[in-house]
Amino acid sequence: MRSPVVLLMASDLVLPVIATGLIGTAVGLTKVTLGQLGLIVDLGVLVDTLVVRTVVVPALFSLVGDRIWWPGTKPARETLEV
Protein backbone atom coordinates (compact mmCIF):
# COMPACT_ATOMS: atom_id res chain seq x y z
CA MET A 1 0.00 0.00 0.00
CA ARG A 2 1.37 3.41 -0.95
CA SER A 3 1.53 6.38 1.32
CA PRO A 4 -1.55 8.63 1.12
CA VAL A 5 0.77 11.64 1.00
CA VAL A 6 1.58 10.95 -2.65
CA LEU A 7 -2.09 10.91 -3.57
CA LEU A 8 -2.82 14.11 -1.64
CA MET A 9 0.10 15.99 -3.16
CA ALA A 10 -0.86 14.84 -6.66
CA SER A 11 -4.46 15.93 -6.21
CA ASP A 12 -3.30 19.30 -4.86
CA LEU A 13 -1.17 19.85 -7.94
CA VAL A 14 -4.01 18.99 -10.35
CA LEU A 15 -6.23 21.89 -9.27
CA PRO A 16 -3.78 24.62 -10.35
CA VAL A 17 -3.42 22.95 -13.73
CA ILE A 18 -7.18 23.09 -14.19
CA ALA A 19 -7.40 26.65 -12.88
CA THR A 20 -4.68 27.67 -15.35
CA GLY A 21 -7.31 27.09 -18.00
CA LEU A 22 -9.18 30.01 -16.47
CA ILE A 23 -6.16 32.21 -17.10
CA GLY A 24 -5.92 30.97 -20.68
CA THR A 25 -9.54 31.84 -21.38
CA ALA A 26 -9.09 35.45 -20.26
CA VAL A 27 -8.41 36.82 -23.75
CA GLY A 28 -10.93 39.66 -23.90
CA LEU A 29 -11.40 42.49 -21.45
CA THR A 30 -14.65 40.97 -20.20
CA LYS A 31 -12.84 37.84 -19.08
CA VAL A 32 -10.13 39.58 -17.06
CA THR A 33 -11.88 38.74 -13.81
CA LEU A 34 -11.95 35.07 -14.75
CA GLY A 35 -8.22 35.13 -15.44
CA GLN A 36 -7.50 36.84 -12.14
CA LEU A 37 -9.58 34.27 -10.32
CA GLY A 38 -7.63 31.47 -11.97
CA LEU A 39 -4.32 33.05 -10.99
CA ILE A 40 -5.43 33.52 -7.39
CA VAL A 41 -6.59 29.89 -7.16
CA ASP A 42 -3.30 28.70 -8.68
CA LEU A 43 -1.17 30.67 -6.28
CA GLY A 44 -3.27 29.77 -3.26
CA VAL A 45 -3.19 26.03 -3.92
CA LEU A 46 0.51 26.01 -4.74
CA VAL A 47 1.39 27.95 -1.57
CA ASP A 48 -0.79 25.61 0.48
CA THR A 49 0.74 22.50 -1.08
CA LEU A 50 4.38 23.53 -1.22
CA VAL A 51 4.75 25.76 1.85
CA VAL A 52 2.00 25.15 4.40
CA ARG A 53 1.79 21.37 4.22
CA THR A 54 5.52 20.76 3.87
CA VAL A 55 6.94 23.41 6.22
CA VAL A 56 4.38 25.03 8.50
CA VAL A 57 2.42 21.96 9.64
CA PRO A 58 5.50 19.83 10.52
CA ALA A 59 7.04 22.83 12.32
CA LEU A 60 3.84 23.31 14.30
CA PHE A 61 3.80 19.61 15.22
CA SER A 62 7.39 19.77 16.48
CA LEU A 63 6.77 22.95 18.47
CA VAL A 64 3.57 21.83 20.14
CA GLY A 65 4.53 18.18 20.63
CA ASP A 66 1.92 15.73 21.95
CA ARG A 67 -0.40 18.59 22.90
CA ILE A 68 -1.33 18.84 19.21
CA TRP A 69 -3.82 16.02 19.79
CA TRP A 70 -5.77 17.89 22.49
CA PRO A 71 -8.64 17.38 23.47
CA GLY A 72 -8.33 13.77 22.29
CA THR A 73 -5.49 11.32 22.58
CA LYS A 74 -2.65 10.55 20.25
CA PRO A 75 -3.73 7.87 17.74
CA ALA A 76 -2.03 4.50 17.85
CA ARG A 77 0.75 4.10 15.33
CA GLU A 78 -0.03 1.65 12.58
CA THR A 79 2.70 -0.48 11.07
CA LEU A 80 2.68 -0.98 7.32
CA GLU A 81 3.57 -4.39 6.00
CA VAL A 82 5.50 -4.37 2.77
PDB file of N, CA and C in Angstrom:
ATOM      1  N   MET A   1       0.841  -1.178   0.000  1.00  0.00           N
ATOM      2  CA  MET A   1       0.000   0.000   0.000  1.00  0.00           C
ATOM      3  C   MET A   1       0.886   1.242   0.000  1.00  0.00           C
ATOM      4  N   ARG A   2       0.593   2.181  -0.867  1.00  0.00           N
ATOM      5  CA  ARG A   2       1.373   3.413  -0.950  1.00  0.00           C
ATOM      6  C   ARG A   2       0.937   4.404   0.117  1.00  0.00           C
ATOM      7  N   SER A   3       1.825   5.338   0.354  1.00  0.00           N
ATOM      8  CA  SER A   3       1.534   6.385   1.322  1.00  0.00           C
ATOM      9  C   SER A   3       0.447   7.310   0.773  1.00  0.00           C
ATOM     10  N   PRO A   4      -0.514   7.721   1.592  1.00  0.00           N
ATOM     11  CA  PRO A   4      -1.552   8.632   1.119  1.00  0.00           C
ATOM     12  C   PRO A   4      -1.018  10.032   0.810  1.00  0.00           C
ATOM     13  N   VAL A   5       0.196  10.328   1.260  1.00  0.00           N
ATOM     14  CA  VAL A   5       0.773  11.642   1.000  1.00  0.00           C
ATOM     15  C   VAL A   5       0.964  11.863  -0.496  1.00  0.00           C
ATOM     16  N   VAL A   6       1.370  10.822  -1.211  1.00  0.00           N
ATOM     17  CA  VAL A   6       1.584  10.947  -2.655  1.00  0.00           C
ATOM     18  C   VAL A   6       0.274  11.289  -3.351  1.00  0.00           C
ATOM     19  N   LEU A   7      -0.787  10.648  -2.964  1.00  0.00           N
ATOM     20  CA  LEU A   7      -2.091  10.912  -3.565  1.00  0.00           C
ATOM     21  C   LEU A   7      -2.570  12.324  -3.255  1.00  0.00           C
ATOM     22  N   LEU A   8      -2.389  12.764  -2.019  1.00  0.00           N
ATOM     23  CA  LEU A   8      -2.824  14.109  -1.643  1.00  0.00           C
ATOM     24  C   LEU A   8      -2.021  15.187  -2.364  1.00  0.00           C
ATOM     25  N   MET A   9      -0.715  14.993  -2.468  1.00  0.00           N
ATOM     26  CA  MET A   9       0.102  15.986  -3.163  1.00  0.00           C
ATOM     27  C   MET A   9      -0.244  16.030  -4.645  1.00  0.00           C
ATOM     28  N   ALA A  10      -0.501  14.869  -5.239  1.00  0.00           N
ATOM     29  CA  ALA A  10      -0.855  14.841  -6.660  1.00  0.00           C
ATOM     30  C   ALA A  10      -2.192  15.536  -6.898  1.00  0.00           C
ATOM     31  N   SER A  11      -3.153  15.289  -6.026  1.00  0.00           N
ATOM     32  CA  SER A  11      -4.458  15.930  -6.207  1.00  0.00           C
ATOM     33  C   SER A  11      -4.364  17.432  -5.974  1.00  0.00           C
ATOM     34  N   ASP A  12      -3.471  17.862  -5.089  1.00  0.00           N
ATOM     35  CA  ASP A  12      -3.295  19.298  -4.860  1.00  0.00           C
ATOM     36  C   ASP A  12      -2.613  19.988  -6.030  1.00  0.00           C
ATOM     37  N   LEU A  13      -1.846  19.250  -6.796  1.00  0.00           N
ATOM     38  CA  LEU A  13      -1.174  19.848  -7.937  1.00  0.00           C
ATOM     39  C   LEU A  13      -2.037  19.808  -9.194  1.00  0.00           C
ATOM     40  N   VAL A  14      -3.122  19.045  -9.189  1.00  0.00           N
ATOM     41  CA  VAL A  14      -4.014  18.985 -10.348  1.00  0.00           C
ATOM     42  C   VAL A  14      -4.893  20.235 -10.417  1.00  0.00           C
ATOM     43  N   LEU A  15      -5.340  20.732  -9.282  1.00  0.00           N
ATOM     44  CA  LEU A  15      -6.229  21.889  -9.265  1.00  0.00           C
ATOM     45  C   LEU A  15      -5.609  23.127  -9.915  1.00  0.00           C
ATOM     46  N   PRO A  16      -4.349  23.469  -9.641  1.00  0.00           N
ATOM     47  CA  PRO A  16      -3.782  24.620 -10.349  1.00  0.00           C
ATOM     48  C   PRO A  16      -3.695  24.421 -11.859  1.00  0.00           C
ATOM     49  N   VAL A  17      -3.473  23.208 -12.294  1.00  0.00           N
ATOM     50  CA  VAL A  17      -3.424  22.947 -13.732  1.00  0.00           C
ATOM     51  C   VAL A  17      -4.787  23.237 -14.354  1.00  0.00           C
ATOM     52  N   ILE A  18      -5.834  22.829 -13.682  1.00  0.00           N
ATOM     53  CA  ILE A  18      -7.180  23.088 -14.188  1.00  0.00           C
ATOM     54  C   ILE A  18      -7.493  24.582 -14.118  1.00  0.00           C
ATOM     55  N   ALA A  19      -7.114  25.230 -13.024  1.00  0.00           N
ATOM     56  CA  ALA A  19      -7.396  26.654 -12.879  1.00  0.00           C
ATOM     57  C   ALA A  19      -6.577  27.489 -13.855  1.00  0.00           C
ATOM     58  N   THR A  20      -5.463  26.959 -14.342  1.00  0.00           N
ATOM     59  CA  THR A  20      -4.682  27.667 -15.345  1.00  0.00           C
ATOM     60  C   THR A  20      -5.493  27.831 -16.620  1.00  0.00           C
ATOM     61  N   GLY A  21      -6.410  26.940 -16.862  1.00  0.00           N
ATOM     62  CA  GLY A  21      -7.312  27.091 -17.998  1.00  0.00           C
ATOM     63  C   GLY A  21      -8.144  28.346 -17.890  1.00  0.00           C
ATOM     64  N   LEU A  22      -8.451  28.759 -16.658  1.00  0.00           N
ATOM     65  CA  LEU A  22      -9.175  30.013 -16.474  1.00  0.00           C
ATOM     66  C   LEU A  22      -8.334  31.205 -16.919  1.00  0.00           C
ATOM     67  N   ILE A  23      -7.033  31.127 -16.666  1.00  0.00           N
ATOM     68  CA  ILE A  23      -6.156  32.207 -17.100  1.00  0.00           C
ATOM     69  C   ILE A  23      -6.093  32.225 -18.624  1.00  0.00           C
ATOM     70  N   GLY A  24      -6.019  31.056 -19.221  1.00  0.00           N
ATOM     71  CA  GLY A  24      -5.925  30.966 -20.678  1.00  0.00           C
ATOM     72  C   GLY A  24      -7.172  31.465 -21.386  1.00  0.00           C
ATOM     73  N   THR A  25      -8.314  31.389 -20.739  1.00  0.00           N
ATOM     74  CA  THR A  25      -9.544  31.841 -21.379  1.00  0.00           C
ATOM     75  C   THR A  25      -9.742  33.345 -21.263  1.00  0.00           C
ATOM     76  N   ALA A  26      -8.932  34.005 -20.470  1.00  0.00           N
ATOM     77  CA  ALA A  26      -9.094  35.451 -20.259  1.00  0.00           C
ATOM     78  C   ALA A  26      -8.425  36.215 -21.395  1.00  0.00           C
ATOM     79  N   VAL A  27      -8.973  36.145 -22.592  1.00  0.00           N
ATOM     80  CA  VAL A  27      -8.407  36.820 -23.753  1.00  0.00           C
ATOM     81  C   VAL A  27      -8.991  38.223 -23.881  1.00  0.00           C
ATOM     82  N   GLY A  28     -10.287  38.352 -23.761  1.00  0.00           N
ATOM     83  CA  GLY A  28     -10.933  39.660 -23.897  1.00  0.00           C
ATOM     84  C   GLY A  28     -10.968  40.406 -22.585  1.00  0.00           C
ATOM     85  N   LEU A  29     -11.328  41.675 -22.662  1.00  0.00           N
ATOM     86  CA  LEU A  29     -11.403  42.490 -21.454  1.00  0.00           C
ATOM     87  C   LEU A  29     -12.513  42.040 -20.518  1.00  0.00           C
ATOM     88  N   THR A  30     -13.548  41.407 -21.050  1.00  0.00           N
ATOM     89  CA  THR A  30     -14.653  40.974 -20.201  1.00  0.00           C
ATOM     90  C   THR A  30     -14.285  39.740 -19.388  1.00  0.00           C
ATOM     91  N   LYS A  31     -13.230  39.060 -19.789  1.00  0.00           N
ATOM     92  CA  LYS A  31     -12.844  37.844 -19.083  1.00  0.00           C
ATOM     93  C   LYS A  31     -11.636  38.047 -18.176  1.00  0.00           C
ATOM     94  N   VAL A  32     -11.281  39.290 -17.911  1.00  0.00           N
ATOM     95  CA  VAL A  32     -10.130  39.579 -17.063  1.00  0.00           C
ATOM     96  C   VAL A  32     -10.364  39.044 -15.645  1.00  0.00           C
ATOM     97  N   THR A  33     -11.564  39.215 -15.151  1.00  0.00           N
ATOM     98  CA  THR A  33     -11.879  38.743 -13.808  1.00  0.00           C
ATOM     99  C   THR A  33     -11.717  37.237 -13.701  1.00  0.00           C
ATOM    100  N   LEU A  34     -12.102  36.516 -14.740  1.00  0.00           N
ATOM    101  CA  LEU A  34     -11.951  35.066 -14.746  1.00  0.00           C
ATOM    102  C   LEU A  34     -10.482  34.672 -14.720  1.00  0.00           C
ATOM    103  N   GLY A  35      -9.660  35.397 -15.446  1.00  0.00           N
ATOM    104  CA  GLY A  35      -8.222  35.134 -15.444  1.00  0.00           C
ATOM    105  C   GLY A  35      -7.591  35.426 -14.098  1.00  0.00           C
ATOM    106  N   GLN A  36      -8.024  36.513 -13.467  1.00  0.00           N
ATOM    107  CA  GLN A  36      -7.500  36.841 -12.142  1.00  0.00           C
ATOM    108  C   GLN A  36      -7.901  35.794 -11.115  1.00  0.00           C
ATOM    109  N   LEU A  37      -9.119  35.316 -11.221  1.00  0.00           N
ATOM    110  CA  LEU A  37      -9.576  34.266 -10.316  1.00  0.00           C
ATOM    111  C   LEU A  37      -8.744  33.000 -10.488  1.00  0.00           C
ATOM    112  N   GLY A  38      -8.459  32.640 -11.719  1.00  0.00           N
ATOM    113  CA  GLY A  38      -7.629  31.467 -11.974  1.00  0.00           C
ATOM    114  C   GLY A  38      -6.239  31.622 -11.402  1.00  0.00           C
ATOM    115  N   LEU A  39      -5.653  32.809 -11.544  1.00  0.00           N
ATOM    116  CA  LEU A  39      -4.320  33.055 -10.994  1.00  0.00           C
ATOM    117  C   LEU A  39      -4.325  32.986  -9.477  1.00  0.00           C
ATOM    118  N   ILE A  40      -5.337  33.547  -8.848  1.00  0.00           N
ATOM    119  CA  ILE A  40      -5.431  33.518  -7.388  1.00  0.00           C
ATOM    120  C   ILE A  40      -5.585  32.090  -6.879  1.00  0.00           C
ATOM    121  N   VAL A  41      -6.410  31.295  -7.556  1.00  0.00           N
ATOM    122  CA  VAL A  41      -6.588  29.888  -7.157  1.00  0.00           C
ATOM    123  C   VAL A  41      -5.278  29.136  -7.325  1.00  0.00           C
ATOM    124  N   ASP A  42      -4.591  29.354  -8.451  1.00  0.00           N
ATOM    125  CA  ASP A  42      -3.301  28.700  -8.684  1.00  0.00           C
ATOM    126  C   ASP A  42      -2.312  29.008  -7.571  1.00  0.00           C
ATOM    127  N   LEU A  43      -2.142  30.283  -7.296  1.00  0.00           N
ATOM    128  CA  LEU A  43      -1.165  30.672  -6.279  1.00  0.00           C
ATOM    129  C   LEU A  43      -1.549  30.166  -4.892  1.00  0.00           C
ATOM    130  N   GLY A  44      -2.829  30.233  -4.569  1.00  0.00           N
ATOM    131  CA  GLY A  44      -3.272  29.767  -3.257  1.00  0.00           C
ATOM    132  C   GLY A  44      -3.043  28.282  -3.051  1.00  0.00           C
ATOM    133  N   VAL A  45      -3.371  27.486  -4.052  1.00  0.00           N
ATOM    134  CA  VAL A  45      -3.195  26.033  -3.921  1.00  0.00           C
ATOM    135  C   VAL A  45      -1.714  25.667  -3.904  1.00  0.00           C
ATOM    136  N   LEU A  46      -0.917  26.321  -4.734  1.00  0.00           N
ATOM    137  CA  LEU A  46       0.515  26.015  -4.740  1.00  0.00           C
ATOM    138  C   LEU A  46       1.186  26.405  -3.429  1.00  0.00           C
ATOM    139  N   VAL A  47       0.823  27.555  -2.865  1.00  0.00           N
ATOM    140  CA  VAL A  47       1.394  27.948  -1.574  1.00  0.00           C
ATOM    141  C   VAL A  47       0.959  26.974  -0.488  1.00  0.00           C
ATOM    142  N   ASP A  48      -0.301  26.573  -0.513  1.00  0.00           N
ATOM    143  CA  ASP A  48      -0.793  25.610   0.479  1.00  0.00           C
ATOM    144  C   ASP A  48      -0.053  24.283   0.355  1.00  0.00           C
ATOM    145  N   THR A  49       0.109  23.802  -0.867  1.00  0.00           N
ATOM    146  CA  THR A  49       0.741  22.504  -1.075  1.00  0.00           C
ATOM    147  C   THR A  49       2.233  22.533  -0.788  1.00  0.00           C
ATOM    148  N   LEU A  50       2.925  23.530  -1.288  1.00  0.00           N
ATOM    149  CA  LEU A  50       4.378  23.530  -1.217  1.00  0.00           C
ATOM    150  C   LEU A  50       4.942  24.183   0.036  1.00  0.00           C
ATOM    151  N   VAL A  51       4.208  25.079   0.664  1.00  0.00           N
ATOM    152  CA  VAL A  51       4.745  25.761   1.850  1.00  0.00           C
ATOM    153  C   VAL A  51       4.044  25.308   3.124  1.00  0.00           C
ATOM    154  N   VAL A  52       2.727  25.428   3.155  1.00  0.00           N
ATOM    155  CA  VAL A  52       2.005  25.154   4.396  1.00  0.00           C
ATOM    156  C   VAL A  52       2.116  23.689   4.788  1.00  0.00           C
ATOM    157  N   ARG A  53       1.813  22.789   3.869  1.00  0.00           N
ATOM    158  CA  ARG A  53       1.794  21.367   4.221  1.00  0.00           C
ATOM    159  C   ARG A  53       3.173  20.758   4.385  1.00  0.00           C
ATOM    160  N   THR A  54       4.190  21.346   3.757  1.00  0.00           N
ATOM    161  CA  THR A  54       5.520  20.759   3.865  1.00  0.00           C
ATOM    162  C   THR A  54       6.407  21.438   4.902  1.00  0.00           C
ATOM    163  N   VAL A  55       6.088  22.687   5.270  1.00  0.00           N
ATOM    164  CA  VAL A  55       6.944  23.411   6.219  1.00  0.00           C
ATOM    165  C   VAL A  55       6.188  23.792   7.486  1.00  0.00           C
ATOM    166  N   VAL A  56       5.061  24.458   7.338  1.00  0.00           N
ATOM    167  CA  VAL A  56       4.376  25.031   8.499  1.00  0.00           C
ATOM    168  C   VAL A  56       3.775  23.949   9.398  1.00  0.00           C
ATOM    169  N   VAL A  57       3.077  22.996   8.818  1.00  0.00           N
ATOM    170  CA  VAL A  57       2.424  21.962   9.635  1.00  0.00           C
ATOM    171  C   VAL A  57       3.445  21.102  10.381  1.00  0.00           C
ATOM    172  N   PRO A  58       4.514  20.586   9.739  1.00  0.00           N
ATOM    173  CA  PRO A  58       5.505  19.833  10.520  1.00  0.00           C
ATOM    174  C   PRO A  58       6.190  20.683  11.598  1.00  0.00           C
ATOM    175  N   ALA A  59       6.431  21.968  11.304  1.00  0.00           N
ATOM    176  CA  ALA A  59       7.040  22.832  12.317  1.00  0.00           C
ATOM    177  C   ALA A  59       6.107  23.017  13.510  1.00  0.00           C
ATOM    178  N   LEU A  60       4.822  23.170  13.230  1.00  0.00           N
ATOM    179  CA  LEU A  60       3.840  23.307  14.297  1.00  0.00           C
ATOM    180  C   LEU A  60       3.771  22.030  15.137  1.00  0.00           C
ATOM    181  N   PHE A  61       3.818  20.880  14.487  1.00  0.00           N
ATOM    182  CA  PHE A  61       3.804  19.615  15.219  1.00  0.00           C
ATOM    183  C   PHE A  61       5.016  19.504  16.125  1.00  0.00           C
ATOM    184  N   SER A  62       6.192  19.888  15.645  1.00  0.00           N
ATOM    185  CA  SER A  62       7.389  19.766  16.479  1.00  0.00           C
ATOM    186  C   SER A  62       7.399  20.780  17.613  1.00  0.00           C
ATOM    187  N   LEU A  63       6.819  21.949  17.401  1.00  0.00           N
ATOM    188  CA  LEU A  63       6.775  22.950  18.474  1.00  0.00           C
ATOM    189  C   LEU A  63       5.783  22.584  19.567  1.00  0.00           C
ATOM    190  N   VAL A  64       4.624  22.096  19.173  1.00  0.00           N
ATOM    191  CA  VAL A  64       3.565  21.826  20.144  1.00  0.00           C
ATOM    192  C   VAL A  64       3.740  20.458  20.795  1.00  0.00           C
ATOM    193  N   GLY A  65       4.299  19.509  20.075  1.00  0.00           N
ATOM    194  CA  GLY A  65       4.528  18.177  20.631  1.00  0.00           C
ATOM    195  C   GLY A  65       3.239  17.367  20.729  1.00  0.00           C
ATOM    196  N   ASP A  66       3.099  16.594  21.777  1.00  0.00           N
ATOM    197  CA  ASP A  66       1.925  15.728  21.947  1.00  0.00           C
ATOM    198  C   ASP A  66       0.658  16.516  22.261  1.00  0.00           C
ATOM    199  N   ARG A  67       0.788  17.781  22.625  1.00  0.00           N
ATOM    200  CA  ARG A  67      -0.399  18.592  22.903  1.00  0.00           C
ATOM    201  C   ARG A  67      -1.195  18.888  21.635  1.00  0.00           C
ATOM    202  N   ILE A  68      -0.629  18.585  20.470  1.00  0.00           N
ATOM    203  CA  ILE A  68      -1.329  18.837  19.212  1.00  0.00           C
ATOM    204  C   ILE A  68      -2.609  18.002  19.120  1.00  0.00           C
ATOM    205  N   TRP A  69      -2.672  16.918  19.853  1.00  0.00           N
ATOM    206  CA  TRP A  69      -3.823  16.017  19.787  1.00  0.00           C
ATOM    207  C   TRP A  69      -4.921  16.393  20.763  1.00  0.00           C
ATOM    208  N   TRP A  70      -4.755  17.480  21.524  1.00  0.00           N
ATOM    209  CA  TRP A  70      -5.766  17.891  22.492  1.00  0.00           C
ATOM    210  C   TRP A  70      -7.038  18.249  21.756  1.00  0.00           C
ATOM    211  N   PRO A  71      -8.218  17.942  22.208  1.00  0.00           N
ATOM    212  CA  PRO A  71      -8.638  17.379  23.474  1.00  0.00           C
ATOM    213  C   PRO A  71      -8.704  15.855  23.456  1.00  0.00           C
ATOM    214  N   GLY A  72      -8.314  15.231  22.367  1.00  0.00           N
ATOM    215  CA  GLY A  72      -8.334  13.767  22.288  1.00  0.00           C
ATOM    216  C   GLY A  72      -7.003  13.179  22.724  1.00  0.00           C
ATOM    217  N   THR A  73      -6.747  11.984  22.278  1.00  0.00           N
ATOM    218  CA  THR A  73      -5.488  11.319  22.578  1.00  0.00           C
ATOM    219  C   THR A  73      -4.750  11.045  21.280  1.00  0.00           C
ATOM    220  N   LYS A  74      -3.475  10.830  21.410  1.00  0.00           N
ATOM    221  CA  LYS A  74      -2.649  10.548  20.249  1.00  0.00           C
ATOM    222  C   LYS A  74      -3.062   9.204  19.651  1.00  0.00           C
ATOM    223  N   PRO A  75      -3.308   9.139  18.338  1.00  0.00           N
ATOM    224  CA  PRO A  75      -3.726   7.873  17.739  1.00  0.00           C
ATOM    225  C   PRO A  75      -2.602   6.835  17.775  1.00  0.00           C
ATOM    226  N   ALA A  76      -3.006   5.583  17.843  1.00  0.00           N
ATOM    227  CA  ALA A  76      -2.031   4.500  17.851  1.00  0.00           C
ATOM    228  C   ALA A  76      -1.312   4.462  16.514  1.00  0.00           C
ATOM    229  N   ARG A  77      -0.051   4.151  16.558  1.00  0.00           N
ATOM    230  CA  ARG A  77       0.753   4.099  15.328  1.00  0.00           C
ATOM    231  C   ARG A  77       0.537   2.775  14.633  1.00  0.00           C
ATOM    232  N   GLU A  78       0.187   2.857  13.348  1.00  0.00           N
ATOM    233  CA  GLU A  78      -0.026   1.648  12.576  1.00  0.00           C
ATOM    234  C   GLU A  78       1.268   1.268  11.879  1.00  0.00           C
ATOM    235  N   THR A  79       1.518  -0.018  11.787  1.00  0.00           N
ATOM    236  CA  THR A  79       2.695  -0.483  11.071  1.00  0.00           C
ATOM    237  C   THR A  79       2.271  -0.971   9.692  1.00  0.00           C
ATOM    238  N   LEU A  80       2.989  -0.558   8.690  1.00  0.00           N
ATOM    239  CA  LEU A  80       2.682  -0.976   7.322  1.00  0.00           C
ATOM    240  C   LEU A  80       3.521  -2.193   6.972  1.00  0.00           C
ATOM    241  N   GLU A  81       2.860  -3.184   6.437  1.00  0.00           N
ATOM    242  CA  GLU A  81       3.567  -4.386   6.002  1.00  0.00           C
ATOM    243  C   GLU A  81       3.872  -4.252   4.520  1.00  0.00           C
ATOM    244  N   VAL A  82       5.104  -4.506   4.171  1.00  0.00           N
ATOM    245  CA  VAL A  82       5.501  -4.374   2.774  1.00  0.00           C
ATOM    246  C   VAL A  82       5.574  -5.722   2.121  1.00  0.00           C
TER     247      VAL A  82
END
